[in-house]
Amino acid sequence: ETIDGFTVYTTLEERYGSPADLNPQKAWWEDGKTRLALERPLTVKYLDLGVFESSQPESSDRAAWRARARDEFLDEF
């Protein structure tokens, strides 16, 4: 038996209320700690916002390191 997107959407809406954002491509629910997204094609994604936000400075540090490494490499020529 398969599950359709409308059934998943109505189940999530019954459990978590109206979505925080809704558009033709996705709907998501957020409670400050987690984000649950229902996307097309039928995909459900769970995001722990605490973990996500703590990883953001790390990715910006990585970007700065890559830029510095690139500049140092180009300076060799």
PDB file of N, CA and C in Angstrom:
ATOM      1  N   GLU A   1       0.845  -1.182   0.000  1.00  0.00           N
ATOM      2  CA  GLU A   1       0.000   0.000   0.000  1.00  0.00           C
ATOM      3  C   GLU A   1       0.888   1.243   0.000  1.00  0.00           C
ATOM      4  N   THR A   2       0.541   2.217  -0.809  1.00  0.00           N
ATOM      5  CA  THR A   2       1.319   3.453  -0.881  1.00  0.00           C
ATOM      6  C   THR A   2       0.627   4.563  -0.098  1.00  0.00           C
ATOM      7  N   ILE A   3       1.407   5.553   0.256  1.00  0.00           N
ATOM      8  CA  ILE A   3       0.889   6.710   0.986  1.00  0.00           C
ATOM      9  C   ILE A   3       1.021   7.920   0.076  1.00  0.00           C
ATOM     10  N   ASP A   4      -0.034   8.686  -0.037  1.00  0.00           N
ATOM     11  CA  ASP A   4       0.011   9.880  -0.885  1.00  0.00           C
ATOM     12  C   ASP A   4       0.344  11.118  -0.056  1.00  0.00           C
ATOM     13  N   GLY A   5       0.766  12.169  -0.753  1.00  0.00           N
ATOM     14  CA  GLY A   5       1.171  13.404  -0.094  1.00  0.00           C
ATOM     15  C   GLY A   5       0.067  14.073   0.693  1.00  0.00           C
ATOM     16  N   PHE A   6      -1.161  14.007   0.191  1.00  0.00           N
ATOM     17  CA  PHE A   6      -2.273  14.637   0.897  1.00  0.00           C
ATOM     18  C   PHE A   6      -2.514  13.969   2.246  1.00  0.00           C
ATOM     19  N   THR A   7      -2.411  12.642   2.288  1.00  0.00           N
ATOM     20  CA  THR A   7      -2.599  11.918   3.549  1.00  0.00           C
ATOM     21  C   THR A   7      -1.521  12.305   4.552  1.00  0.00           C
ATOM     22  N   VAL A   8      -0.279  12.396   4.096  1.00  0.00           N
ATOM     23  CA  VAL A   8       0.811  12.797   4.987  1.00  0.00           C
ATOM     24  C   VAL A   8       0.582  14.226   5.472  1.00  0.00           C
ATOM     25  N   TYR A   9       0.208  15.133   4.559  1.00  0.00           N
ATOM     26  CA  TYR A   9      -0.040  16.528   4.937  1.00  0.00           C
ATOM     27  C   TYR A   9      -1.146  16.631   5.985  1.00  0.00           C
ATOM     28  N   THR A  10      -2.272  15.971   5.755  1.00  0.00           N
ATOM     29  CA  THR A  10      -3.384  16.076   6.708  1.00  0.00           C
ATOM     30  C   THR A  10      -3.015  15.469   8.057  1.00  0.00           C
ATOM     31  N   THR A  11      -2.238  14.398   8.051  1.00  0.00           N
ATOM     32  CA  THR A  11      -1.794  13.800   9.312  1.00  0.00           C
ATOM     33  C   THR A  11      -0.896  14.765  10.078  1.00  0.00           C
ATOM     34  N   LEU A  12       0.050  15.392   9.381  1.00  0.00           N
ATOM     35  CA  LEU A  12       0.933  16.360  10.039  1.00  0.00           C
ATOM     36  C   LEU A  12       0.155  17.571  10.537  1.00  0.00           C
ATOM     37  N   GLU A  13      -0.810  18.023   9.755  1.00  0.00           N
ATOM     38  CA  GLU A  13      -1.616  19.170  10.168  1.00  0.00           C
ATOM     39  C   GLU A  13      -2.458  18.839  11.396  1.00  0.00           C
ATOM     40  N   GLU A  14      -2.985  17.633  11.477  1.00  0.00           N
ATOM     41  CA  GLU A  14      -3.756  17.227  12.657  1.00  0.00           C
ATOM     42  C   GLU A  14      -2.877  17.186  13.899  1.00  0.00           C
ATOM     43  N   ARG A  15      -1.644  16.716  13.747  1.00  0.00           N
ATOM     44  CA  ARG A  15      -0.745  16.582  14.901  1.00  0.00           C
ATOM     45  C   ARG A  15      -0.098  17.896  15.317  1.00  0.00           C
ATOM     46  N   TYR A  16       0.313  18.709  14.337  1.00  0.00           N
ATOM     47  CA  TYR A  16       1.125  19.887  14.632  1.00  0.00           C
ATOM     48  C   TYR A  16       0.455  21.217  14.317  1.00  0.00           C
ATOM     49  N   GLY A  17      -0.769  21.191  13.823  1.00  0.00           N
ATOM     50  CA  GLY A  17      -1.472  22.419  13.495  1.00  0.00           C
ATOM     51  C   GLY A  17      -1.125  22.902  12.098  1.00  0.00           C
ATOM     52  N   SER A  18      -1.499  24.132  11.807  1.00  0.00           N
ATOM     53  CA  SER A  18      -1.219  24.707  10.488  1.00  0.00           C
ATOM     54  C   SER A  18       0.282  24.881  10.302  1.00  0.00           C
ATOM     55  N   PRO A  19       0.779  24.683   9.100  1.00  0.00           N
ATOM     56  CA  PRO A  19       2.220  24.837   8.876  1.00  0.00           C
ATOM     57  C   PRO A  19       2.661  26.295   9.017  1.00  0.00           C
ATOM     58  N   ALA A  20       3.916  26.482   9.425  1.00  0.00           N
ATOM     59  CA  ALA A  20       4.487  27.825   9.543  1.00  0.00           C
ATOM     60  C   ALA A  20       4.645  28.465   8.175  1.00  0.00           C
ATOM     61  N   ASP A  21       4.891  27.642   7.170  1.00  0.00           N
ATOM     62  CA  ASP A  21       5.019  28.134   5.800  1.00  0.00           C
ATOM     63  C   ASP A  21       4.434  27.082   4.871  1.00  0.00           C
ATOM     64  N   LEU A  22       3.734  27.555   3.855  1.00  0.00           N
ATOM     65  CA  LEU A  22       3.081  26.656   2.915  1.00  0.00           C
ATOM     66  C   LEU A  22       3.172  27.255   1.524  1.00  0.00           C
ATOM     67  N   ASN A  23       3.704  26.495   0.594  1.00  0.00           N
ATOM     68  CA  ASN A  23       3.727  26.895  -0.807  1.00  0.00           C
ATOM     69  C   ASN A  23       3.583  25.635  -1.654  1.00  0.00           C
ATOM     70  N   PRO A  24       3.465  25.746  -2.963  1.00  0.00           N
ATOM     71  CA  PRO A  24       3.235  24.547  -3.782  1.00  0.00           C
ATOM     72  C   PRO A  24       4.345  23.494  -3.692  1.00  0.00           C
ATOM     73  N   GLN A  25       5.545  23.886  -3.303  1.00  0.00           N
ATOM     74  CA  GLN A  25       6.649  22.934  -3.242  1.00  0.00           C
ATOM     75  C   GLN A  25       6.865  22.313  -1.870  1.00  0.00           C
ATOM     76  N   LYS A  26       6.468  23.019  -0.804  1.00  0.00           N
ATOM     77  CA  LYS A  26       6.713  22.463   0.527  1.00  0.00           C
ATOM     78  C   LYS A  26       5.823  23.104   1.580  1.00  0.00           C
ATOM     79  N   ALA A  27       5.705  22.388   2.672  1.00  0.00           N
ATOM     80  CA  ALA A  27       5.049  22.897   3.877  1.00  0.00           C
ATOM     81  C   ALA A  27       5.981  22.553   5.028  1.00  0.00           C
ATOM     82  N   TRP A  28       6.132  23.490   5.994  1.00  0.00           N
ATOM     83  CA  TRP A  28       6.929  23.107   7.148  1.00  0.00           C
ATOM     84  C   TRP A  28       6.336  23.619   8.433  1.00  0.00           C
ATOM     85  N   TRP A  29       6.617  22.840   9.458  1.00  0.00           N
ATOM     86  CA  TRP A  29       6.171  23.118  10.808  1.00  0.00           C
ATOM     87  C   TRP A  29       7.422  23.336  11.641  1.00  0.00           C
ATOM     88  N   GLU A  30       7.349  24.318  12.550  1.00  0.00           N
ATOM     89  CA  GLU A  30       8.513  24.642  13.363  1.00  0.00           C
ATOM     90  C   GLU A  30       8.057  24.964  14.775  1.00  0.00           C
ATOM     91  N   ASP A  31       8.814  24.469  15.765  1.00  0.00           N
ATOM     92  CA  ASP A  31       8.462  24.748  17.155  1.00  0.00           C
ATOM     93  C   ASP A  31       9.592  25.431  17.922  1.00  0.00           C
ATOM     94  N   GLY A  32      10.594  25.931  17.229  1.00  0.00           N
ATOM     95  CA  GLY A  32      11.725  26.579  17.881  1.00  0.00           C
ATOM     96  C   GLY A  32      12.886  25.633  18.122  1.00  0.00           C
ATOM     97  N   LYS A  33      12.604  24.351  18.274  1.00  0.00           N
ATOM     98  CA  LYS A  33      13.648  23.347  18.472  1.00  0.00           C
ATOM     99  C   LYS A  33      13.851  22.495  17.228  1.00  0.00           C
ATOM    100  N   THR A  34      12.764  22.257  16.512  1.00  0.00           N
ATOM    101  CA  THR A  34      12.835  21.392  15.336  1.00  0.00           C
ATOM    102  C   THR A  34      12.040  21.984  14.184  1.00  0.00           C
ATOM    103  N   ARG A  35      12.388  21.547  12.992  1.00  0.00           N
ATOM    104  CA  ARG A  35      11.627  21.905  11.797  1.00  0.00           C
ATOM    105  C   ARG A  35      11.315  20.602  11.071  1.00  0.00           C
ATOM    106  N   LEU A  36      10.066  20.438  10.715  1.00  0.00           N
ATOM    107  CA  LEU A  36       9.612  19.272   9.980  1.00  0.00           C
ATOM    108  C   LEU A  36       9.082  19.765   8.647  1.00  0.00           C
ATOM    109  N   ALA A  37       9.657  19.286   7.551  1.00  0.00           N
ATOM    110  CA  ALA A  37       9.271  19.760   6.225  1.00  0.00           C
ATOM    111  C   ALA A  37       8.686  18.618   5.408  1.00  0.00           C
ATOM    112  N   LEU A  38       7.618  18.924   4.703  1.00  0.00           N
ATOM    113  CA  LEU A  38       7.008  18.010   3.745  1.00  0.00           C
ATOM    114  C   LEU A  38       7.206  18.639   2.377  1.00  0.00           C
ATOM    115  N   GLU A  39       7.963  17.969   1.509  1.00  0.00           N
ATOM    116  CA  GLU A  39       8.327  18.542   0.219  1.00  0.00           C
ATOM    117  C   GLU A  39       7.825  17.682  -0.923  1.00  0.00           C
ATOM    118  N   ARG A  40       7.809  18.290  -2.119  1.00  0.00           N
ATOM    119  CA  ARG A  40       7.491  17.556  -3.343  1.00  0.00           C
ATOM    120  C   ARG A  40       8.768  17.346  -4.119  1.00  0.00           C
ATOM    121  N   PRO A  41       9.000  16.193  -4.729  1.00  0.00           N
ATOM    122  CA  PRO A  41       8.202  14.980  -4.612  1.00  0.00           C
ATOM    123  C   PRO A  41       8.176  14.520  -3.160  1.00  0.00           C
ATOM    124  N   LEU A  42       7.245  13.687  -2.829  1.00  0.00           N
ATOM    125  CA  LEU A  42       6.941  13.328  -1.443  1.00  0.00           C
ATOM    126  C   LEU A  42       8.199  12.957  -0.654  1.00  0.00           C
ATOM    127  N   THR A  43       8.620  13.901   0.192  1.00  0.00           N
ATOM    128  CA  THR A  43       9.794  13.746   1.042  1.00  0.00           C
ATOM    129  C   THR A  43       9.484  14.410   2.377  1.00  0.00           C
ATOM    130  N   VAL A  44       9.847  13.745   3.458  1.00  0.00           N
ATOM    131  CA  VAL A  44       9.693  14.324   4.791  1.00  0.00           C
ATOM    132  C   VAL A  44      11.092  14.528   5.350  1.00  0.00           C
ATOM    133  N   LYS A  45      11.378  15.753   5.813  1.00  0.00           N
ATOM    134  CA  LYS A  45      12.690  16.075   6.369  1.00  0.00           C
ATOM    135  C   LYS A  45      12.517  16.588   7.793  1.00  0.00           C
ATOM    136  N   TYR A  46      13.414  16.149   8.664  1.00  0.00           N
ATOM    137  CA  TYR A  46      13.434  16.563  10.060  1.00  0.00           C
ATOM    138  C   TYR A  46      14.755  17.275  10.299  1.00  0.00           C
ATOM    139  N   LEU A  47      14.695  18.460  10.896  1.00  0.00           N
ATOM    140  CA  LEU A  47      15.898  19.239  11.156  1.00  0.00           C
ATOM    141  C   LEU A  47      15.916  19.662  12.616  1.00  0.00           C
ATOM    142  N   ASP A  48      16.976  19.297  13.325  1.00  0.00           N
ATOM    143  CA  ASP A  48      17.183  19.747  14.696  1.00  0.00           C
ATOM    144  C   ASP A  48      17.813  21.133  14.603  1.00  0.00           C
ATOM    145  N   LEU A  49      17.057  22.173  14.934  1.00  0.00           N
ATOM    146  CA  LEU A  49      17.525  23.548  14.750  1.00  0.00           C
ATOM    147  C   LEU A  49      18.727  23.885  15.622  1.00  0.00           C
ATOM    148  N   GLY A  50      18.822  23.304  16.817  1.00  0.00           N
ATOM    149  CA  GLY A  50      19.977  23.550  17.677  1.00  0.00           C
ATOM    150  C   GLY A  50      21.264  23.060  17.041  1.00  0.00           C
ATOM    151  N   VAL A  51      21.233  21.857  16.502  1.00  0.00           N
ATOM    152  CA  VAL A  51      22.409  21.298  15.834  1.00  0.00           C
ATOM    153  C   VAL A  51      22.723  22.100  14.579  1.00  0.00           C
ATOM    154  N   PHE A  52      21.688  22.450  13.825  1.00  0.00           N
ATOM    155  CA  PHE A  52      21.880  23.212  12.589  1.00  0.00           C
ATOM    156  C   PHE A  52      22.516  24.565  12.866  1.00  0.00           C
ATOM    157  N   GLU A  53      21.999  25.289  13.852  1.00  0.00           N
ATOM    158  CA  GLU A  53      22.526  26.617  14.165  1.00  0.00           C
ATOM    159  C   GLU A  53      23.947  26.551  14.713  1.00  0.00           C
ATOM    160  N   SER A  54      24.268  25.502  15.471  1.00  0.00           N
ATOM    161  CA  SER A  54      25.633  25.381  15.983  1.00  0.00           C
ATOM    162  C   SER A  54      26.620  25.035  14.878  1.00  0.00           C
ATOM    163  N   SER A  55      26.149  24.464  13.780  1.00  0.00           N
ATOM    164  CA  SER A  55      27.052  24.129  12.672  1.00  0.00           C
ATOM    165  C   SER A  55      27.293  25.318  11.749  1.00  0.00           C
ATOM    166  N   GLN A  56      26.497  26.356  11.829  1.00  0.00           N
ATOM    167  CA  GLN A  56      26.649  27.505  10.939  1.00  0.00           C
ATOM    168  C   GLN A  56      27.982  28.224  11.116  1.00  0.00           C
ATOM    169  N   PRO A  57      28.427  28.550  12.337  1.00  0.00           N
ATOM    170  CA  PRO A  57      29.741  29.203  12.470  1.00  0.00           C
ATOM    171  C   PRO A  57      30.863  28.316  11.928  1.00  0.00           C
ATOM    172  N   GLU A  58      30.729  27.005  12.115  1.00  0.00           N
ATOM    173  CA  GLU A  58      31.746  26.084  11.624  1.00  0.00           C
ATOM    174  C   GLU A  58      31.853  26.146  10.103  1.00  0.00           C
ATOM    175  N   SER A  59      30.723  26.218   9.420  1.00  0.00           N
ATOM    176  CA  SER A  59      30.776  26.271   7.958  1.00  0.00           C
ATOM    177  C   SER A  59      31.330  27.608   7.477  1.00  0.00           C
ATOM    178  N   SER A  60      31.055  28.710   8.203  1.00  0.00           N
ATOM    179  CA  SER A  60      31.625  29.995   7.789  1.00  0.00           C
ATOM    180  C   SER A  60      33.125  30.018   8.055  1.00  0.00           C
ATOM    181  N   ASP A  61      33.581  29.356   9.138  1.00  0.00           N
ATOM    182  CA  ASP A  61      35.016  29.241   9.389  1.00  0.00           C
ATOM    183  C   ASP A  61      35.679  28.438   8.275  1.00  0.00           C
ATOM    184  N   ARG A  62      35.013  27.380   7.832  1.00  0.00           N
ATOM    185  CA  ARG A  62      35.539  26.549   6.756  1.00  0.00           C
ATOM    186  C   ARG A  62      35.642  27.357   5.461  1.00  0.00           C
ATOM    187  N   ALA A  63      34.647  28.192   5.194  1.00  0.00           N
ATOM    188  CA  ALA A  63      34.676  29.024   3.986  1.00  0.00           C
ATOM    189  C   ALA A  63      35.829  30.022   4.054  1.00  0.00           C
ATOM    190  N   ALA A  64      36.055  30.607   5.224  1.00  0.00           N
ATOM    191  CA  ALA A  64      37.162  31.551   5.386  1.00  0.00           C
ATOM    192  C   ALA A  64      38.500  30.836   5.203  1.00  0.00           C
ATOM    193  N   TRP A  65      38.613  29.625   5.738  1.00  0.00           N
ATOM    194  CA  TRP A  65      39.842  28.857   5.584  1.00  0.00           C
ATOM    195  C   TRP A  65      40.096  28.544   4.114  1.00  0.00           C
ATOM    196  N   ARG A  66      39.059  28.145   3.383  1.00  0.00           N
ATOM    197  CA  ARG A  66      39.216  27.841   1.955  1.00  0.00           C
ATOM    198  C   ARG A  66      39.651  29.079   1.169  1.00  0.00           C
ATOM    199  N   ALA A  67      39.066  30.227   1.487  1.00  0.00           N
ATOM    200  CA  ALA A  67      39.432  31.466   0.793  1.00  0.00           C
ATOM    201  C   ALA A  67      40.889  31.817   1.072  1.00  0.00           C
ATOM    202  N   ARG A  68      41.315  31.678   2.324  1.00  0.00           N
ATOM    203  CA  ARG A  68      42.704  31.973   2.680  1.00  0.00           C
ATOM    204  C   ARG A  68      43.654  30.986   1.992  1.00  0.00           C
ATOM    205  N   ALA A  69      43.297  29.706   1.982  1.00  0.00           N
ATOM    206  CA  ALA A  69      44.135  28.695   1.328  1.00  0.00           C
ATOM    207  C   ALA A  69      44.238  28.968  -0.171  1.00  0.00           C
ATOM    208  N   ARG A  70      43.152  29.387  -0.772  1.00  0.00           N
ATOM    209  CA  ARG A  70      43.156  29.713  -2.203  1.00  0.00           C
ATOM    210  C   ARG A  70      44.086  30.893  -2.471  1.00  0.00           C
ATOM    211  N   ASP A  71      43.970  31.936  -1.648  1.00  0.00           N
ATOM    212  CA  ASP A  71      44.826  33.112  -1.823  1.00  0.00           C
ATOM    213  C   ASP A  71      46.301  32.757  -1.651  1.00  0.00           C
ATOM    214  N   GLU A  72      46.606  31.932  -0.645  1.00  0.00           N
ATOM    215  CA  GLU A  72      47.990  31.525  -0.422  1.00  0.00           C
ATOM    216  C   GLU A  72      48.512  30.708  -1.597  1.00  0.00           C
ATOM    217  N   PHE A  73      47.677  29.853  -2.145  1.00  0.00           N
ATOM    218  CA  PHE A  73      48.070  29.058  -3.307  1.00  0.00           C
ATOM    219  C   PHE A  73      48.374  29.958  -4.497  1.00  0.00           C
ATOM    220  N   LEU A  74      47.506  30.930  -4.744  1.00  0.00           N
ATOM    221  CA  LEU A  74      47.705  31.829  -5.883  1.00  0.00           C
ATOM    222  C   LEU A  74      48.923  32.726  -5.693  1.00  0.00           C
ATOM    223  N   ASP A  75      49.244  33.057  -4.440  1.00  0.00           N
ATOM    224  CA  ASP A  75      50.422  33.881  -4.162  1.00  0.00           C
ATOM    225  C   ASP A  75      51.722  33.154  -4.503  1.00  0.00           C
ATOM    226  N   GLU A  76      51.685  31.829  -4.555  1.00  0.00           N
ATOM    227  CA  GLU A  76      52.879  31.051  -4.877  1.00  0.00           C
ATOM    228  C   GLU A  76      53.340  31.282  -6.312  1.00  0.00           C
ATOM    229  N   PHE A  77      52.472  31.781  -7.167  1.00  0.00           N
ATOM    230  CA  PHE A  77      52.834  31.960  -8.575  1.00  0.00           C
ATOM    231  C   PHE A  77      53.368  33.317  -8.800  1.00  0.00           C
TER     232      PHE A  77
END
